[in-house]
Amino acid sequence: MGMQDQFKDKAQKLSEQAKQASGKAKDQASQRASQGRDRSEEETRRAQQEAQDRMDQDYDA
């Protein structure tokens, strides 16, 4: 095996590792984004519930 073959093999391995790392990064970013959306929906529901509770208290008085 010549040096040229060794460099080609090394380049292929590094390329595959880079693709895998890129895929993992995209997956993690996607997960964080979906968690952020879930959190904001929960905050929206909580705010709506608080507003409804305040309105109910105002009319009960």
Protein backbone atom coordinates (compact mmCIF):
# COMPACT_ATOMS: atom_id res chain seq x y z
CA MET A 1 0.00 0.00 0.00
CA GLY A 2 1.47 3.30 -1.05
CA MET A 3 1.37 6.61 0.73
CA GLN A 4 -1.24 7.88 -1.69
CA ASP A 5 -3.60 5.05 -0.71
CA GLN A 6 -3.03 5.75 2.98
CA PHE A 7 -3.92 9.42 2.50
CA LYS A 8 -7.05 8.50 0.54
CA ASP A 9 -8.15 6.10 3.27
CA LYS A 10 -7.48 8.68 5.96
CA ALA A 11 -9.38 11.33 3.99
CA GLN A 12 -12.36 8.99 3.58
CA LYS A 13 -12.43 8.17 7.29
CA LEU A 14 -12.27 11.83 8.23
CA SER A 15 -15.01 12.65 5.75
CA GLU A 16 -17.27 9.97 7.23
CA GLN A 17 -16.58 11.20 10.76
CA ALA A 18 -17.43 14.75 9.71
CA LYS A 19 -20.72 13.60 8.17
CA GLN A 20 -21.63 11.70 11.35
CA ALA A 21 -20.76 14.68 13.54
CA SER A 22 -22.84 16.95 11.32
CA GLY A 23 -25.81 14.58 11.56
CA LYS A 24 -25.55 14.44 15.34
CA ALA A 25 -25.37 18.22 15.56
CA LYS A 26 -28.49 18.56 13.42
CA ASP A 27 -30.35 16.03 15.58
CA GLN A 28 -29.38 17.86 18.75
CA ALA A 29 -30.43 21.20 17.31
CA SER A 30 -33.74 19.72 16.25
CA GLN A 31 -34.31 18.33 19.74
CA ARG A 32 -33.52 21.65 21.38
CA ALA A 33 -35.86 23.46 19.01
CA SER A 34 -38.74 21.08 19.74
CA GLN A 35 -38.13 21.41 23.48
CA GLY A 36 -38.23 25.18 23.11
CA ARG A 37 -41.54 24.98 21.26
CA ASP A 38 -42.97 22.69 23.95
CA ARG A 39 -41.84 25.06 26.66
CA SER A 40 -43.35 28.10 24.94
CA GLU A 41 -46.67 26.30 24.42
CA GLU A 42 -46.70 25.37 28.09
CA GLU A 43 -45.98 28.97 29.09
CA THR A 44 -48.78 30.17 26.81
CA ARG A 45 -51.24 27.74 28.38
CA ARG A 46 -50.15 28.76 31.87
CA ALA A 47 -50.58 32.46 31.06
CA GLN A 48 -54.03 31.82 29.60
CA GLN A 49 -55.04 29.86 32.68
CA GLU A 50 -53.80 32.64 34.98
CA ALA A 51 -55.74 35.23 32.99
CA GLN A 52 -58.87 33.07 33.17
CA ASP A 53 -58.42 32.63 36.93
CA ARG A 54 -58.02 36.39 37.44
CA MET A 55 -61.16 37.06 35.40
CA ASP A 56 -63.10 34.47 37.39
CA GLN A 57 -61.94 36.05 40.66
CA ASP A 58 -62.99 39.51 39.47
CA TYR A 59 -66.52 38.31 38.69
CA ASP A 60 -66.81 36.32 41.91
CA ALA A 61 -66.18 39.41 44.03
